[in-house]
C-alpha atoms as a PDB file:
ATOM      1  CA  MET A   1       0.000   0.000   0.000  1.00  0.00           C
ATOM      2  CA  ARG A   2       1.322   3.415  -0.978  1.00  0.00           C
ATOM      3  CA  ARG A   3       1.969   5.935   1.746  1.00  0.00           C
ATOM      4  CA  ARG A   4      -0.014   9.168   1.496  1.00  0.00           C
ATOM      5  CA  THR A   5       2.060  12.247   0.932  1.00  0.00           C
ATOM      6  CA  PRO A   6       1.223  15.705   2.293  1.00  0.00           C
ATOM      7  CA  ARG A   7       0.222  16.686  -1.254  1.00  0.00           C
ATOM      8  CA  ASP A   8      -2.310  13.812  -1.417  1.00  0.00           C
ATOM      9  CA  ILE A   9      -3.718  14.807   1.965  1.00  0.00           C
ATOM     10  CA  ALA A  10      -4.037  18.454   0.870  1.00  0.00           C
ATOM     11  CA  ILE A  11      -5.815  17.452  -2.350  1.00  0.00           C
ATOM     12  CA  ALA A  12      -8.203  15.195  -0.413  1.00  0.00           C
ATOM     13  CA  ALA A  13      -8.857  17.956   2.136  1.00  0.00           C
ATOM     14  CA  LEU A  14      -9.576  20.427  -0.664  1.00  0.00           C
ATOM     15  CA  ALA A  15     -11.935  17.951  -2.345  1.00  0.00           C
ATOM     16  CA  TYR A  16     -13.799  17.285   0.905  1.00  0.00           C
ATOM     17  CA  GLY A  17     -13.955  21.025   1.601  1.00  0.00           C
ATOM     18  CA  GLY A  18     -15.449  21.639  -1.861  1.00  0.00           C
ATOM     19  CA  ILE A  19     -17.982  18.862  -1.338  1.00  0.00           C
ATOM     20  CA  ALA A  20     -18.913  20.262   2.091  1.00  0.00           C
ATOM     21  CA  LEU A  21     -19.339  23.749   0.610  1.00  0.00           C
ATOM     22  CA  ALA A  22     -21.508  22.437  -2.249  1.00  0.00           C
ATOM     23  CA  LEU A  23     -23.578  20.442   0.246  1.00  0.00           C
ATOM     24  CA  PHE A  24     -24.070  23.519   2.433  1.00  0.00           C
ATOM     25  CA  VAL A  25     -25.066  25.709  -0.527  1.00  0.00           C
ATOM     26  CA  THR A  26     -27.497  23.044  -1.722  1.00  0.00           C
ATOM     27  CA  LEU A  27     -29.127  22.194   1.614  1.00  0.00           C
ATOM     28  CA  PHE A  28     -29.220  25.639   3.253  1.00  0.00           C
ATOM     29  CA  PRO A  29     -32.396  26.805   1.431  1.00  0.00           C
ATOM     30  CA  ILE A  30     -34.223  23.662   2.595  1.00  0.00           C
ATOM     31  CA  TYR A  31     -33.053  24.273   6.162  1.00  0.00           C
ATOM     32  CA  TRP A  32     -34.118  27.931   5.949  1.00  0.00           C
ATOM     33  CA  ILE A  33     -37.611  27.076   4.670  1.00  0.00           C
ATOM     34  CA  ALA A  34     -38.077  24.413   7.355  1.00  0.00           C
ATOM     35  CA  LEU A  35     -36.899  26.817  10.048  1.00  0.00           C
ATOM     36  CA  ASN A  36     -39.168  29.636   8.800  1.00  0.00           C
ATOM     37  CA  SER A  37     -42.187  27.332   8.791  1.00  0.00           C
ATOM     38  CA  PHE A  38     -42.041  27.343  12.601  1.00  0.00           C
ATOM     39  CA  LYS A  39     -41.638  31.131  12.960  1.00  0.00           C
ATOM     40  CA  LEU A  40     -44.156  33.936  13.200  1.00  0.00           C
ATOM     41  CA  ASN A  41     -44.240  36.439  10.316  1.00  0.00           C
ATOM     42  CA  ILE A  42     -42.489  39.075  12.391  1.00  0.00           C
ATOM     43  CA  ASP A  43     -39.561  36.692  12.947  1.00  0.00           C
ATOM     44  CA  ILE A  44     -39.439  35.608   9.292  1.00  0.00           C
ATOM     45  CA  PHE A  45     -39.094  39.167   7.993  1.00  0.00           C
ATOM     46  CA  ALA A  46     -36.866  40.457  10.800  1.00  0.00           C
ATOM     47  CA  VAL A  47     -33.681  42.313   9.882  1.00  0.00           C
ATOM     48  CA  PRO A  48     -31.170  40.993  10.849  1.00  0.00           C
ATOM     49  CA  PRO A  49     -32.555  37.455  10.500  1.00  0.00           C
ATOM     50  CA  VAL A  50     -33.610  35.572  13.618  1.00  0.00           C
ATOM     51  CA  TRP A  51     -31.556  32.367  13.600  1.00  0.00           C
ATOM     52  CA  PHE A  52     -32.092  30.676  16.952  1.00  0.00           C
ATOM     53  CA  ASP A  53     -33.835  33.017  19.411  1.00  0.00           C
ATOM     54  CA  PHE A  54     -37.504  32.492  18.559  1.00  0.00           C
ATOM     55  CA  THR A  55     -40.471  30.599  19.951  1.00  0.00           C
ATOM     56  CA  PRO A  56     -41.489  27.756  17.619  1.00  0.00           C
ATOM     57  CA  THR A  57     -45.131  27.823  16.574  1.00  0.00           C
ATOM     58  CA  GLY A  58     -47.428  25.693  14.443  1.00  0.00           C
ATOM     59  CA  ALA A  59     -49.531  28.660  13.286  1.00  0.00           C
ATOM     60  CA  ASN A  60     -48.375  28.384   9.673  1.00  0.00           C
ATOM     61  CA  TYR A  61     -49.280  24.691   9.532  1.00  0.00           C
ATOM     62  CA  HIS A  62     -52.651  25.404  11.149  1.00  0.00           C
ATOM     63  CA  ALA A  63     -53.315  28.112   8.558  1.00  0.00           C
ATOM     64  CA  THR A  64     -52.350  25.797   5.711  1.00  0.00           C
ATOM     65  CA  TYR A  65     -54.114  22.594   6.694  1.00  0.00           C
ATOM     66  CA  VAL A  66     -57.066  23.798   8.792  1.00  0.00           C
ATOM     67  CA  GLU A  67     -58.029  27.339   7.753  1.00  0.00           C
ATOM     68  CA  ARG A  68     -57.502  26.763   4.026  1.00  0.00           C
ATOM     69  CA  ASN A  69     -58.779  23.815   2.053  1.00  0.00           C
ATOM     70  CA  PHE A  70     -55.373  22.252   1.379  1.00  0.00           C
ATOM     71  CA  ALA A  71     -56.814  18.791   0.634  1.00  0.00           C
ATOM     72  CA  SER A  72     -58.808  20.063  -2.355  1.00  0.00           C
ATOM     73  CA  PHE A  73     -55.750  21.890  -3.724  1.00  0.00           C
ATOM     74  CA  ALA A  74     -53.631  18.742  -3.359  1.00  0.00           C
ATOM     75  CA  LEU A  75     -56.356  16.623  -4.987  1.00  0.00           C
ATOM     76  CA  ASN A  76     -56.577  19.048  -7.942  1.00  0.00           C
ATOM     77  CA  SER A  77     -52.798  18.841  -8.406  1.00  0.00           C
ATOM     78  CA  LEU A  78     -52.924  15.044  -8.236  1.00  0.00           C
ATOM     79  CA  VAL A  79     -55.723  14.814 -10.809  1.00  0.00           C
ATOM     80  CA  ILE A  80     -53.895  17.144 -13.228  1.00  0.00           C
ATOM     81  CA  ALA A  81     -50.556  15.347 -12.770  1.00  0.00           C
ATOM     82  CA  VAL A  82     -52.027  11.867 -13.309  1.00  0.00           C
ATOM     83  CA  ALA A  83     -54.112  12.930 -16.333  1.00  0.00           C
ATOM     84  CA  THR A  84     -51.140  14.721 -17.919  1.00  0.00           C
ATOM     85  CA  THR A  85     -48.901  11.709 -17.364  1.00  0.00           C
ATOM     86  CA  ILE A  86     -51.412   9.299 -18.918  1.00  0.00           C
ATOM     87  CA  VAL A  87     -51.996  11.492 -21.979  1.00  0.00           C
ATOM     88  CA  SER A  88     -48.252  12.112 -22.441  1.00  0.00           C
ATOM     89  CA  LEU A  89     -47.443   8.412 -22.183  1.00  0.00           C
ATOM     90  CA  ALA A  90     -50.155   7.453 -24.650  1.00  0.00           C
ATOM     91  CA  LEU A  91     -49.192  10.063 -27.246  1.00  0.00           C
ATOM     92  CA  GLY A  92     -45.449   9.618 -26.738  1.00  0.00           C
ATOM     93  CA  THR A  93     -45.661   5.850 -27.083  1.00  0.00           C
ATOM     94  CA  MET A  94     -47.608   6.061 -30.320  1.00  0.00           C
ATOM     95  CA  ALA A  95     -45.314   8.755 -31.749  1.00  0.00           C
ATOM     96  CA  GLY A  96     -42.183   6.817 -30.781  1.00  0.00           C
ATOM     97  CA  TYR A  97     -43.538   3.649 -32.364  1.00  0.00           C
ATOM     98  CA  ALA A  98     -44.408   5.490 -35.575  1.00  0.00           C
ATOM     99  CA  LEU A  99     -40.952   7.083 -35.801  1.00  0.00           C
ATOM    100  CA  ALA A 100     -39.185   3.788 -35.148  1.00  0.00           C
ATOM    101  CA  ARG A 101     -41.308   1.463 -37.249  1.00  0.00           C
ATOM    102  CA  PHE A 102     -42.496   3.243 -40.384  1.00  0.00           C
ATOM    103  CA  ARG A 103     -40.486   4.417 -43.382  1.00  0.00           C
ATOM    104  CA  TYR A 104     -40.703   8.043 -44.468  1.00  0.00           C
ATOM    105  CA  PRO A 105     -39.779   9.457 -47.874  1.00  0.00           C
ATOM    106  CA  GLY A 106     -36.370  11.108 -48.182  1.00  0.00           C
ATOM    107  CA  SER A 107     -34.972  12.664 -45.047  1.00  0.00           C
ATOM    108  CA  THR A 108     -38.392  13.435 -43.562  1.00  0.00           C
ATOM    109  CA  LYS A 109     -37.771  11.078 -40.632  1.00  0.00           C
ATOM    110  CA  PHE A 110     -34.490  12.831 -39.799  1.00  0.00           C
ATOM    111  CA  HIS A 111     -36.039  16.311 -39.984  1.00  0.00           C
ATOM    112  CA  LEU A 112     -39.068  15.252 -37.931  1.00  0.00           C
ATOM    113  CA  SER A 113     -36.893  13.615 -35.266  1.00  0.00           C
ATOM    114  CA  PHE A 114     -34.610  16.657 -35.142  1.00  0.00           C
ATOM    115  CA  TRP A 115     -37.592  19.004 -34.785  1.00  0.00           C
ATOM    116  CA  ILE A 116     -38.962  16.938 -31.889  1.00  0.00           C
ATOM    117  CA  LEU A 117     -35.590  16.913 -30.140  1.00  0.00           C
ATOM    118  CA  SER A 118     -34.964  20.606 -30.792  1.00  0.00           C
ATOM    119  CA  THR A 119     -38.086  21.538 -28.830  1.00  0.00           C
ATOM    120  CA  ARG A 120     -36.303  20.111 -25.763  1.00  0.00           C
ATOM    121  CA  MET A 121     -33.483  22.639 -26.220  1.00  0.00           C
ATOM    122  CA  MET A 122     -35.697  25.668 -25.502  1.00  0.00           C
ATOM    123  CA  PRO A 123     -35.935  26.631 -21.823  1.00  0.00           C
ATOM    124  CA  PRO A 124     -39.454  25.950 -20.495  1.00  0.00           C
ATOM    125  CA  ILE A 125     -39.641  29.403 -18.901  1.00  0.00           C
ATOM    126  CA  VAL A 126     -39.813  30.900 -22.412  1.00  0.00           C
ATOM    127  CA  THR A 127     -43.252  29.356 -22.946  1.00  0.00           C
ATOM    128  CA  VAL A 128     -44.833  30.500 -19.659  1.00  0.00           C
ATOM    129  CA  ILE A 129     -46.107  33.914 -20.787  1.00  0.00           C
ATOM    130  CA  PRO A 130     -47.513  32.717 -24.152  1.00  0.00           C
ATOM    131  CA  LEU A 131     -49.257  29.816 -22.374  1.00  0.00           C
ATOM    132  CA  PHE A 132     -50.693  32.201 -19.786  1.00  0.00           C
ATOM    133  CA  ILE A 133     -52.034  34.493 -22.518  1.00  0.00           C
ATOM    134  CA  PHE A 134     -53.430  31.512 -24.442  1.00  0.00           C
ATOM    135  CA  PHE A 135     -55.228  30.044 -21.411  1.00  0.00           C
ATOM    136  CA  ASN A 136     -56.458  33.471 -20.356  1.00  0.00           C
ATOM    137  CA  PHE A 137     -57.922  34.001 -23.848  1.00  0.00           C
ATOM    138  CA  LEU A 138     -59.762  30.653 -23.569  1.00  0.00           C
ATOM    139  CA  ASP A 139     -60.962  31.428 -20.000  1.00  0.00           C
ATOM    140  CA  MET A 140     -59.178  28.340 -18.713  1.00  0.00           C
ATOM    141  CA  LEU A 141     -57.206  29.929 -15.861  1.00  0.00           C
ATOM    142  CA  ASN A 142     -57.825  28.364 -12.424  1.00  0.00           C
ATOM    143  CA  THR A 143     -59.757  25.447 -13.911  1.00  0.00           C
ATOM    144  CA  LYS A 144     -58.999  21.795 -14.372  1.00  0.00           C
END
């Protein structure tokens, strides 16, 4: 077994330090949201932030689950997610089968496949405003 040199130890320490920093940056927002869920509004918006000196409360959870109808909102989201998944699977399966199985004249298959893949290159946020305008025009906002 090779003996570890000070250079190897320094590289390992730097790697572990980078991993620890990335882990902190990634998990801190989750910690902050969880911590704020047990604070009152005055403590959440305090400047400087209140880190440890606060009285935990369940008022936010009471407001979410008791005062508002959270179950109906969750059920609506579940219905939309399941229906969208079923429709996407059905259409995607049929389209994939057609592209794989059938012959197309010339380079039509290549151009069609490239067009389908190129739609994945556009950031989804670009389509949010046009979709909002479209659904608003059809009076479909806040509906299933």
